[in-house]
Amino acid sequence: MTQESTDQMMAEGVHRYSAEKNWVEPSESQLIERLEWFKDQKLALMMHWGPYSQLGVVESWALSDEDAEWSREGIDWEANSQELKRQYMDLNRTFNPIRFQPHVWADIAKKAGFKYVIFTTKHHDGFSMWDTRETDYRITADDCPFHTHKYADICKHVFQAFRKNGLGIAAYYSKADWHTPYYWAPGMEQGSKSWRGPTYNPKEYPWLWDKYVQFNHNQIMELMTKYGDIDILWLDAGWVGHENQDIRLDEVIEKARKIQPWLLTADRMMGGKFENYITPEQTIPDNPIHVPWESCITMGTSFSFKYEDTYKSTKEIIYTLIEVVAKGGNLALNVAPQPDGRLPKGAIKRMEELGEWLDIHGEAIYGTRMCDPYYTREFAFTKKGETTYCFWLDKHEDNGHEKEIILPYNKHVQRIEHLGRASQLDFVQNDKGIVIKLPIKKDSIVDVFRLT
């Protein structure tokens, strides 16, 4: 795959997403059932964390010369590309998050209403956050000061803590690895600049590419065999797998599913049988998508930790969740841990407020499915069995007076209740929809109605 073709797939590190028409329904009944489980969850906590967090810079991308223009801002990196890469790769020697408490993360996530976690076991830079035997570039290696800590095998303790709290586990794994010599092979650079792909043509060096394929298989199988039940294998670096970068994913997924037959795979941008759901990034599709999907969106401005980051308001996060769910998807809300191992206080506050809202309104989110007319900017709809939920996304300030609203819903309704309040509402149905008069002050974030 060429640099030009990867640019068509992503821009500034952000993936585009597969077309709905390219989705392939699994043939295995167990996977079909697991996709229904997936669609019930609605809200994931995504976490990008690694040595790069110390600098507050974007994860991995500064290593790619082709991506230098947008990824190297904020640091006076060395002009020499090889020296820059050495500086970046040496960040493992100072990564020591001694305030990491996985059970605290899990408790916060559960109270906030998250149902599964997507944790970066390894990003493109190749630093492994588990005790892998395939590379010394890992959290448990002797040259990483955190290796003596009781939580040194970070993935192990994250997965255990979240699993104990009843949350599902998605293991994020990058198919690209810019540290291993099997992908970026020293002395084999094609041209003067590094890019996202391998430094050599796999067709010309099949023996070297085979080593890279085996490296990926071995790492994936470590995660599948030594780290408990994994619900989702979340595969990033969508350019790997196209054209001459075949890592023979079918072989390793077959092995993995012999051990964990329920395993869903999100092989991003690949289409076909291993992209069990579609993954928009930093965007919400304009229209409903009628196959499983999940949009990964940052709470702040970056997937990785950024000093003095600006977080979205709680209202914006809730409105984002409502729109995603109304269009048939799940929201993977990314919260980046600090380099010391704690979650930022600003992020925790947003999570607590999100949890408080979901405690009251969660029945209109979890376990629901799409409902026509889906999302109209002013209203959003979901359904669960014979019950329909309507979200009134009123952007205007409430003046405290009685307000008449018309829900654009034409199916017959017998009863309407204001969710979270002991109030049954009077209404009239006509050819325009359902007319409701609200003699009450609008909720601070959004009003939700239960229609039966």
Protein backbone atom coordinates (compact mmCIF):
# COMPACT_ATOMS: atom_id res chain seq x y z
CA MET A 1 0.00 0.00 0.00
CA THR A 2 1.35 3.41 -0.97
CA GLN A 3 1.45 6.65 1.00
CA GLU A 4 -1.18 8.07 -1.37
CA SER A 5 -3.59 5.20 -0.70
CA THR A 6 -3.15 5.47 3.08
CA ASP A 7 -3.96 9.19 2.83
CA GLN A 8 -7.27 8.20 1.29
CA MET A 9 -7.90 5.99 4.31
CA MET A 10 -7.01 8.51 7.00
CA ALA A 11 -5.90 12.09 7.58
CA GLU A 12 -3.73 13.40 10.43
CA GLY A 13 -3.97 10.07 12.24
CA VAL A 14 -7.76 9.92 12.08
CA HIS A 15 -9.31 6.94 10.31
CA ARG A 16 -12.19 7.29 7.97
CA TYR A 17 -14.65 4.40 8.15
CA SER A 18 -15.90 1.54 6.01
CA ALA A 19 -19.07 1.85 4.00
CA GLU A 20 -22.13 0.12 5.39
CA LYS A 21 -22.38 -1.93 2.18
CA ASN A 22 -19.02 -3.56 2.93
CA TRP A 23 -20.17 -5.04 6.22
CA VAL A 24 -20.46 -8.82 6.26
CA GLU A 25 -22.72 -10.51 8.79
CA PRO A 26 -20.93 -13.32 10.64
CA SER A 27 -22.01 -16.84 9.80
CA GLU A 28 -21.44 -18.14 13.34
CA SER A 29 -24.56 -17.95 15.53
CA GLN A 30 -22.46 -17.16 18.61
CA LEU A 31 -20.95 -14.11 16.93
CA ILE A 32 -24.38 -12.94 15.79
CA GLU A 33 -25.53 -13.17 19.42
CA ARG A 34 -22.44 -11.29 20.59
CA LEU A 35 -23.16 -8.48 18.18
CA GLU A 36 -26.55 -8.09 19.84
CA TRP A 37 -24.69 -7.92 23.17
CA PHE A 38 -22.42 -5.29 21.65
CA LYS A 39 -25.37 -3.19 20.45
CA ASP A 40 -26.85 -3.30 23.97
CA GLN A 41 -23.77 -1.73 25.59
CA LYS A 42 -23.88 1.75 23.99
CA LEU A 43 -21.03 3.33 25.96
CA ALA A 44 -17.34 2.41 26.05
CA LEU A 45 -14.42 4.02 27.83
CA MET A 46 -11.51 4.26 25.41
CA MET A 47 -8.04 4.83 26.87
CA HIS A 48 -4.83 5.75 25.01
CA TRP A 49 -1.87 5.55 27.37
CA GLY A 50 1.83 4.97 27.01
CA PRO A 51 5.28 6.59 27.37
CA TYR A 52 4.21 9.38 24.98
CA SER A 53 1.82 10.59 27.70
CA GLN A 54 4.81 12.09 29.53
CA LEU A 55 5.21 14.73 26.83
CA GLY A 56 1.53 15.44 26.28
CA VAL A 57 1.92 14.81 22.54
CA VAL A 58 -0.05 12.79 20.03
CA GLU A 59 0.59 9.06 20.32
CA SER A 60 3.17 7.53 17.94
CA TRP A 61 2.67 9.76 14.92
CA ALA A 62 5.74 11.97 15.42
CA LEU A 63 7.78 8.93 14.38
CA SER A 64 6.43 9.06 10.84
CA ASP A 65 8.27 11.63 8.73
CA GLU A 66 5.35 11.78 6.32
CA ASP A 67 3.15 12.89 9.21
CA ALA A 68 5.63 15.35 10.71
CA GLU A 69 3.80 18.53 9.70
CA TRP A 70 0.83 17.90 12.00
CA SER A 71 2.28 15.51 14.61
CA ARG A 72 5.44 17.26 15.84
CA GLU A 73 4.02 20.54 17.05
CA GLY A 74 4.76 21.81 20.53
CA ILE A 75 8.22 20.23 20.89
CA ASP A 76 11.55 21.44 19.54
CA TRP A 77 12.39 18.02 18.17
CA GLU A 78 15.83 17.39 16.73
CA ALA A 79 16.01 18.20 13.03
CA ASN A 80 17.74 14.89 12.41
CA SER A 81 14.98 12.34 11.92
CA GLN A 82 16.92 9.42 13.37
CA GLU A 83 17.79 11.39 16.51
CA LEU A 84 14.12 12.36 16.92
CA LYS A 85 13.11 8.70 16.71
CA ARG A 86 15.74 7.79 19.29
CA GLN A 87 14.45 10.47 21.67
CA TYR A 88 10.89 9.25 21.25
CA MET A 89 11.72 5.56 21.60
CA ASP A 90 13.72 6.27 24.78
CA LEU A 91 10.62 7.59 26.55
CA ASN A 92 10.18 4.08 27.96
CA ARG A 93 13.21 4.73 30.18
CA THR A 94 11.36 7.43 32.13
CA PHE A 95 7.79 6.09 32.08
CA ASN A 96 6.98 5.39 35.73
CA PRO A 97 3.23 5.86 36.48
CA ILE A 98 3.46 5.02 40.18
CA ARG A 99 0.03 6.56 40.95
CA PHE A 100 -1.71 4.03 38.68
CA GLN A 101 -4.57 2.32 40.53
CA PRO A 102 -6.57 0.15 38.12
CA HIS A 103 -9.39 -0.49 40.61
CA VAL A 104 -9.92 3.27 40.93
CA TRP A 105 -10.22 3.59 37.15
CA ALA A 106 -12.70 0.73 37.07
CA ASP A 107 -14.80 2.15 39.91
CA ILE A 108 -15.00 5.57 38.23
CA ALA A 109 -15.92 3.96 34.91
CA LYS A 110 -18.67 1.84 36.40
CA LYS A 111 -20.24 4.77 38.25
CA ALA A 112 -20.06 6.83 35.05
CA GLY A 113 -22.15 4.27 33.18
CA PHE A 114 -19.51 2.78 30.89
CA LYS A 115 -20.19 -0.81 29.88
CA TYR A 116 -16.85 -1.85 28.33
CA VAL A 117 -13.30 -0.55 28.13
CA ILE A 118 -11.12 -0.26 25.00
CA PHE A 119 -7.54 -0.20 26.23
CA THR A 120 -4.42 0.35 24.11
CA THR A 121 -2.31 -2.75 24.61
CA LYS A 122 0.07 -1.36 21.96
CA HIS A 123 -0.02 1.66 19.67
CA HIS A 124 1.90 2.09 16.41
CA ASP A 125 5.11 2.99 18.24
CA GLY A 126 5.33 -0.65 19.33
CA PHE A 127 5.53 -0.16 23.09
CA SER A 128 3.67 -3.09 24.65
CA MET A 129 1.69 -2.40 27.83
CA TRP A 130 1.77 -6.07 28.84
CA ASP A 131 4.42 -8.63 29.69
CA THR A 132 4.98 -9.78 26.13
CA ARG A 133 7.76 -12.24 25.34
CA GLU A 134 8.11 -10.98 21.75
CA THR A 135 9.99 -7.74 22.40
CA ASP A 136 12.00 -5.97 25.09
CA TYR A 137 10.15 -2.74 24.24
CA ARG A 138 7.55 -3.34 26.93
CA ILE A 139 6.30 -2.06 30.26
CA THR A 140 7.86 -4.97 32.18
CA ALA A 141 11.36 -4.70 30.68
CA ASP A 142 14.31 -3.88 32.94
CA ASP A 143 14.93 -0.50 31.28
CA CYS A 144 11.43 0.71 32.15
CA PRO A 145 11.41 1.95 35.77
CA PHE A 146 7.82 0.77 36.27
CA HIS A 147 8.81 -2.89 35.81
CA THR A 148 9.22 -3.46 39.57
CA HIS A 149 5.77 -2.08 40.47
CA LYS A 150 3.03 -4.44 41.68
CA TYR A 151 0.87 -3.32 38.74
CA ALA A 152 3.71 -3.52 36.21
CA ASP A 153 1.77 -5.75 33.82
CA ILE A 154 -0.64 -2.93 33.08
CA CYS A 155 -2.97 -4.77 30.70
CA LYS A 156 -3.36 -7.62 33.15
CA HIS A 157 -4.43 -5.34 35.98
CA VAL A 158 -6.64 -3.10 33.85
CA PHE A 159 -8.48 -6.09 32.42
CA GLN A 160 -8.87 -7.72 35.83
CA ALA A 161 -10.17 -4.57 37.51
CA PHE A 162 -12.70 -3.71 34.81
CA ARG A 163 -13.81 -7.31 34.45
CA LYS A 164 -14.37 -7.49 38.23
CA ASN A 165 -16.65 -4.46 37.93
CA GLY A 166 -18.73 -6.17 35.26
CA LEU A 167 -17.38 -4.25 32.27
CA GLY A 168 -16.52 -5.89 28.97
CA ILE A 169 -12.93 -5.95 27.68
CA ALA A 170 -11.76 -4.73 24.28
CA ALA A 171 -8.06 -5.09 23.59
CA TYR A 172 -6.85 -2.35 21.24
CA TYR A 173 -3.91 -3.66 19.21
CA SER A 174 -2.05 -1.90 16.41
CA LYS A 175 -1.23 -4.11 13.45
CA ALA A 176 1.59 -1.67 12.61
CA ASP A 177 4.68 -1.71 14.81
CA TRP A 178 7.29 0.96 14.17
CA HIS A 179 9.75 -0.42 16.70
CA THR A 180 10.26 -3.97 15.55
CA PRO A 181 12.95 -4.47 12.86
CA TYR A 182 10.53 -6.76 11.06
CA TYR A 183 8.42 -3.75 9.99
CA TRP A 184 10.73 -0.74 10.04
CA ALA A 185 13.89 -2.62 9.12
CA PRO A 186 17.10 -0.62 9.72
CA GLY A 187 18.99 0.18 6.55
CA MET A 188 16.07 -0.77 4.29
CA GLU A 189 14.29 2.58 4.11
CA GLN A 190 12.64 3.29 0.78
CA GLY A 191 13.59 6.92 0.22
CA SER A 192 14.69 9.50 2.78
CA LYS A 193 11.48 9.65 4.82
CA SER A 194 9.71 7.11 6.97
CA TRP A 195 5.99 6.60 6.52
CA ARG A 196 3.24 4.51 8.10
CA GLY A 197 4.04 1.36 6.17
CA PRO A 198 7.04 -1.00 6.19
CA THR A 199 10.46 0.24 5.12
CA TYR A 200 10.68 -2.52 2.54
CA ASN A 201 8.48 -4.18 -0.04
CA PRO A 202 7.09 -7.38 1.55
CA LYS A 203 6.89 -9.01 -1.89
CA GLU A 204 10.63 -8.56 -2.35
CA TYR A 205 11.50 -9.75 1.16
CA PRO A 206 8.91 -12.43 1.96
CA TRP A 207 11.11 -14.05 4.62
CA LEU A 208 11.25 -10.78 6.57
CA TRP A 209 7.55 -10.18 6.17
CA ASP A 210 6.85 -13.70 7.44
CA LYS A 211 8.77 -12.83 10.60
CA TYR A 212 6.53 -9.79 11.02
CA VAL A 213 3.39 -11.85 10.50
CA GLN A 214 4.54 -14.36 13.13
CA PHE A 215 5.42 -11.51 15.50
CA ASN A 216 1.84 -10.19 15.26
CA HIS A 217 0.32 -13.65 15.65
CA ASN A 218 2.41 -14.40 18.71
CA GLN A 219 1.51 -11.12 20.41
CA ILE A 220 -2.19 -11.47 19.68
CA MET A 221 -2.21 -15.02 20.99
CA GLU A 222 -0.46 -13.91 24.20
CA LEU A 223 -3.36 -11.54 24.80
CA MET A 224 -5.87 -14.23 23.94
CA THR A 225 -4.36 -16.95 26.16
CA LYS A 226 -2.88 -15.18 29.21
CA TYR A 227 -5.19 -12.27 29.95
CA GLY A 228 -8.59 -13.77 30.64
CA ASP A 229 -11.79 -13.38 28.65
CA ILE A 230 -11.52 -10.77 25.90
CA ASP A 231 -14.77 -9.60 24.32
CA ILE A 232 -13.35 -7.60 21.42
CA LEU A 233 -10.05 -7.50 19.54
CA TRP A 234 -9.91 -3.89 18.33
CA LEU A 235 -7.41 -3.76 15.47
CA ASP A 236 -5.99 -0.38 14.46
CA ALA A 237 -3.66 0.68 11.62
CA GLY A 238 -6.08 -0.03 8.82
CA TRP A 239 -3.41 0.26 6.15
CA VAL A 240 -1.94 -3.05 7.34
CA GLY A 241 -3.79 -5.84 5.59
CA HIS A 242 -4.33 -4.13 2.26
CA GLU A 243 -2.44 -5.04 -0.90
CA ASN A 244 1.01 -6.42 -0.02
CA GLN A 245 0.68 -6.08 3.78
CA ASP A 246 -1.26 -9.27 4.44
CA ILE A 247 -0.69 -10.43 8.02
CA ARG A 248 -2.90 -13.51 7.47
CA LEU A 249 -5.40 -12.39 10.05
CA ASP A 250 -7.71 -15.28 9.27
CA GLU A 251 -5.15 -17.72 10.67
CA VAL A 252 -4.69 -16.00 14.02
CA ILE A 253 -8.39 -15.19 14.51
CA GLU A 254 -9.23 -18.85 13.89
CA LYS A 255 -6.77 -19.82 16.63
CA ALA A 256 -8.07 -17.13 18.97
CA ARG A 257 -11.70 -18.19 18.51
CA LYS A 258 -10.87 -21.78 19.35
CA ILE A 259 -10.01 -20.42 22.80
CA GLN A 260 -12.50 -17.53 22.94
CA PRO A 261 -15.29 -18.41 20.46
CA TRP A 262 -17.32 -15.30 21.37
CA LEU A 263 -14.53 -12.93 20.27
CA LEU A 264 -15.64 -9.99 18.14
CA THR A 265 -13.06 -8.33 15.90
CA ALA A 266 -12.99 -4.73 14.72
CA ASP A 267 -10.49 -4.85 11.86
CA ARG A 268 -10.80 -1.22 10.90
CA MET A 269 -11.25 -0.15 7.27
CA MET A 270 -10.92 -3.71 6.01
CA GLY A 271 -14.52 -4.69 5.37
CA GLY A 272 -15.24 -8.39 5.22
CA LYS A 273 -15.69 -10.97 7.92
CA PHE A 274 -13.23 -9.57 10.50
CA GLU A 275 -14.67 -6.07 10.63
CA ASN A 276 -17.58 -7.14 12.80
CA TYR A 277 -18.50 -3.53 13.36
CA ILE A 278 -17.66 -0.21 11.70
CA THR A 279 -15.56 2.38 13.55
CA PRO A 280 -16.04 6.08 12.67
CA GLU A 281 -13.46 8.27 14.38
CA GLN A 282 -13.97 11.77 15.78
CA THR A 283 -17.24 12.01 13.86
CA ILE A 284 -20.87 10.98 13.90
CA PRO A 285 -22.29 9.76 10.57
CA ASP A 286 -24.85 12.05 8.98
CA ASN A 287 -27.42 9.29 8.73
CA PRO A 288 -28.36 6.17 10.70
CA ILE A 289 -26.22 3.11 9.99
CA HIS A 290 -28.12 -0.16 9.96
CA VAL A 291 -25.18 -2.41 10.80
CA PRO A 292 -23.19 -2.49 14.08
CA TRP A 293 -20.95 0.51 14.57
CA GLU A 294 -19.05 2.45 17.21
CA SER A 295 -17.69 5.99 16.99
CA CYS A 296 -14.53 6.78 18.97
CA ILE A 297 -14.64 10.41 20.07
CA THR A 298 -12.34 12.19 22.49
CA MET A 299 -13.58 13.86 25.67
CA GLY A 300 -10.83 16.43 25.16
CA THR A 301 -9.03 17.49 21.99
CA SER A 302 -6.67 14.52 21.78
CA PHE A 303 -6.70 10.74 22.16
CA SER A 304 -3.49 10.90 24.20
CA PHE A 305 -3.00 12.92 27.37
CA LYS A 306 -2.53 16.61 26.68
CA TYR A 307 -1.48 19.10 29.33
CA GLU A 308 -4.16 21.70 30.07
CA ASP A 309 -6.53 20.01 27.64
CA THR A 310 -10.03 21.41 27.15
CA TYR A 311 -12.81 18.92 27.77
CA LYS A 312 -16.20 18.87 26.13
CA SER A 313 -19.02 19.99 28.38
CA THR A 314 -21.18 17.35 30.02
CA LYS A 315 -24.08 18.55 27.90
CA GLU A 316 -22.08 18.11 24.69
CA ILE A 317 -21.01 14.61 25.75
CA ILE A 318 -24.61 13.63 26.51
CA TYR A 319 -25.90 15.12 23.26
CA THR A 320 -23.16 13.21 21.40
CA LEU A 321 -24.16 9.96 23.12
CA ILE A 322 -27.84 10.51 22.28
CA GLU A 323 -27.14 11.23 18.61
CA VAL A 324 -24.84 8.20 18.26
CA VAL A 325 -27.36 5.85 19.92
CA ALA A 326 -30.31 7.27 17.94
CA LYS A 327 -28.38 6.53 14.73
CA GLY A 328 -27.75 2.95 15.83
CA GLY A 329 -24.23 3.10 17.21
CA ASN A 330 -22.14 2.90 20.36
CA LEU A 331 -20.03 5.78 21.68
CA ALA A 332 -16.43 5.02 22.62
CA LEU A 333 -15.55 8.08 24.69
CA ASN A 334 -11.79 8.47 24.96
CA VAL A 335 -10.33 9.61 28.29
CA ALA A 336 -6.54 9.72 28.40
CA PRO A 337 -4.79 8.97 31.72
CA GLN A 338 -2.05 11.24 33.02
CA PRO A 339 1.58 10.11 32.86
CA ASP A 340 1.52 9.49 36.63
CA GLY A 341 -1.31 6.96 36.28
CA ARG A 342 -4.27 9.03 37.48
CA LEU A 343 -7.24 10.19 35.49
CA PRO A 344 -7.38 14.00 35.16
CA LYS A 345 -9.70 15.70 37.65
CA GLY A 346 -11.53 17.53 34.86
CA ALA A 347 -12.26 14.26 33.09
CA ILE A 348 -13.42 12.62 36.32
CA LYS A 349 -15.87 15.47 36.89
CA ARG A 350 -17.37 14.99 33.43
CA MET A 351 -17.59 11.24 34.00
CA GLU A 352 -19.36 11.71 37.32
CA GLU A 353 -21.89 14.08 35.77
CA LEU A 354 -22.46 11.70 32.87
CA GLY A 355 -23.09 8.90 35.36
CA GLU A 356 -25.59 10.98 37.28
CA TRP A 357 -27.55 11.64 34.08
CA LEU A 358 -27.44 7.98 33.05
CA ASP A 359 -28.63 6.87 36.49
CA ILE A 360 -31.94 8.57 35.66
CA HIS A 361 -32.12 8.32 31.87
CA GLY A 362 -30.09 5.17 31.13
CA GLU A 363 -33.16 3.08 30.30
CA ALA A 364 -33.56 5.22 27.16
CA ILE A 365 -29.94 4.45 26.16
CA TYR A 366 -28.86 0.94 27.15
CA GLY A 367 -30.31 -2.04 25.32
CA THR A 368 -32.24 0.14 22.88
CA ARG A 369 -32.47 0.02 19.12
CA MET A 370 -33.08 2.56 16.38
CA CYS A 371 -36.55 4.02 15.92
CA ASP A 372 -37.87 6.08 13.01
CA PRO A 373 -37.50 9.12 12.70
CA TYR A 374 -34.15 8.49 14.44
CA TYR A 375 -32.56 11.92 14.80
CA THR A 376 -33.91 15.29 13.68
CA ARG A 377 -31.51 17.67 15.51
CA GLU A 378 -34.37 18.81 17.74
CA PHE A 379 -35.50 15.30 18.67
CA ALA A 380 -33.94 11.86 18.91
CA PHE A 381 -35.68 8.49 19.27
CA THR A 382 -34.82 5.03 20.55
CA LYS A 383 -36.95 2.00 21.35
CA LYS A 384 -36.92 -1.02 23.59
CA GLY A 385 -39.62 -3.62 22.94
CA GLU A 386 -42.96 -1.80 22.74
CA THR A 387 -41.61 1.32 24.45
CA THR A 388 -40.32 4.33 22.55
CA TYR A 389 -38.11 7.03 24.05
CA CYS A 390 -38.00 10.58 22.76
CA PHE A 391 -35.20 13.01 23.63
CA TRP A 392 -36.05 16.68 23.31
CA LEU A 393 -32.79 18.33 22.28
CA ASP A 394 -33.87 21.89 22.91
CA LYS A 395 -30.88 24.19 22.44
CA HIS A 396 -32.62 27.30 23.76
CA GLU A 397 -32.61 28.65 27.29
CA ASP A 398 -35.75 27.83 29.26
CA ASN A 399 -37.81 30.85 30.32
CA GLY A 400 -39.72 28.94 32.97
CA HIS A 401 -43.08 29.33 31.23
CA GLU A 402 -45.37 26.66 29.81
CA LYS A 403 -44.15 25.45 26.46
CA GLU A 404 -45.92 23.48 23.76
CA ILE A 405 -43.82 21.07 21.77
CA ILE A 406 -44.70 18.72 18.94
CA LEU A 407 -42.98 15.33 18.87
CA PRO A 408 -42.61 14.17 15.24
CA TYR A 409 -43.95 10.70 16.00
CA ASN A 410 -46.99 9.24 14.25
CA LYS A 411 -47.51 5.83 15.85
CA HIS A 412 -50.41 5.52 18.25
CA VAL A 413 -49.48 6.29 21.88
CA GLN A 414 -51.56 5.64 24.99
CA ARG A 415 -49.33 7.11 27.67
CA ILE A 416 -46.44 9.58 27.91
CA GLU A 417 -44.25 9.96 30.98
CA HIS A 418 -41.47 12.36 31.72
CA LEU A 419 -38.51 10.07 32.43
CA GLY A 420 -37.07 10.58 35.87
CA ARG A 421 -40.12 12.35 37.20
CA ALA A 422 -43.33 10.97 38.62
CA SER A 423 -45.37 12.77 36.00
CA GLN A 424 -47.73 11.53 33.31
CA LEU A 425 -48.18 14.15 30.62
CA ASP A 426 -51.33 15.26 28.84
CA PHE A 427 -51.02 15.14 25.09
CA VAL A 428 -52.93 15.26 21.82
CA GLN A 429 -52.08 13.33 18.67
CA ASN A 430 -52.78 14.88 15.28
CA ASP A 431 -51.42 14.72 11.75
CA LYS A 432 -48.37 16.74 12.83
CA GLY A 433 -47.37 14.36 15.61
CA ILE A 434 -47.81 14.44 19.40
CA VAL A 435 -48.54 17.78 21.02
CA ILE A 436 -47.35 18.12 24.62
CA LYS A 437 -47.61 21.08 26.95
CA LEU A 438 -44.85 21.25 29.53
CA PRO A 439 -45.90 23.29 32.58
CA ILE A 440 -42.57 22.49 34.16
CA LYS A 441 -39.08 23.84 33.96
CA LYS A 442 -36.98 22.05 31.38
CA ASP A 443 -34.33 19.63 32.62
CA SER A 444 -30.88 21.21 32.73
CA ILE A 445 -29.53 18.98 29.95
CA VAL A 446 -32.31 17.21 28.03
CA ASP A 447 -35.89 16.10 28.57
CA VAL A 448 -36.62 12.45 27.89
CA PHE A 449 -40.12 11.06 27.37
CA ARG A 450 -41.28 7.47 27.65
CA LEU A 451 -43.98 6.66 25.08
CA THR A 452 -46.11 3.54 25.48
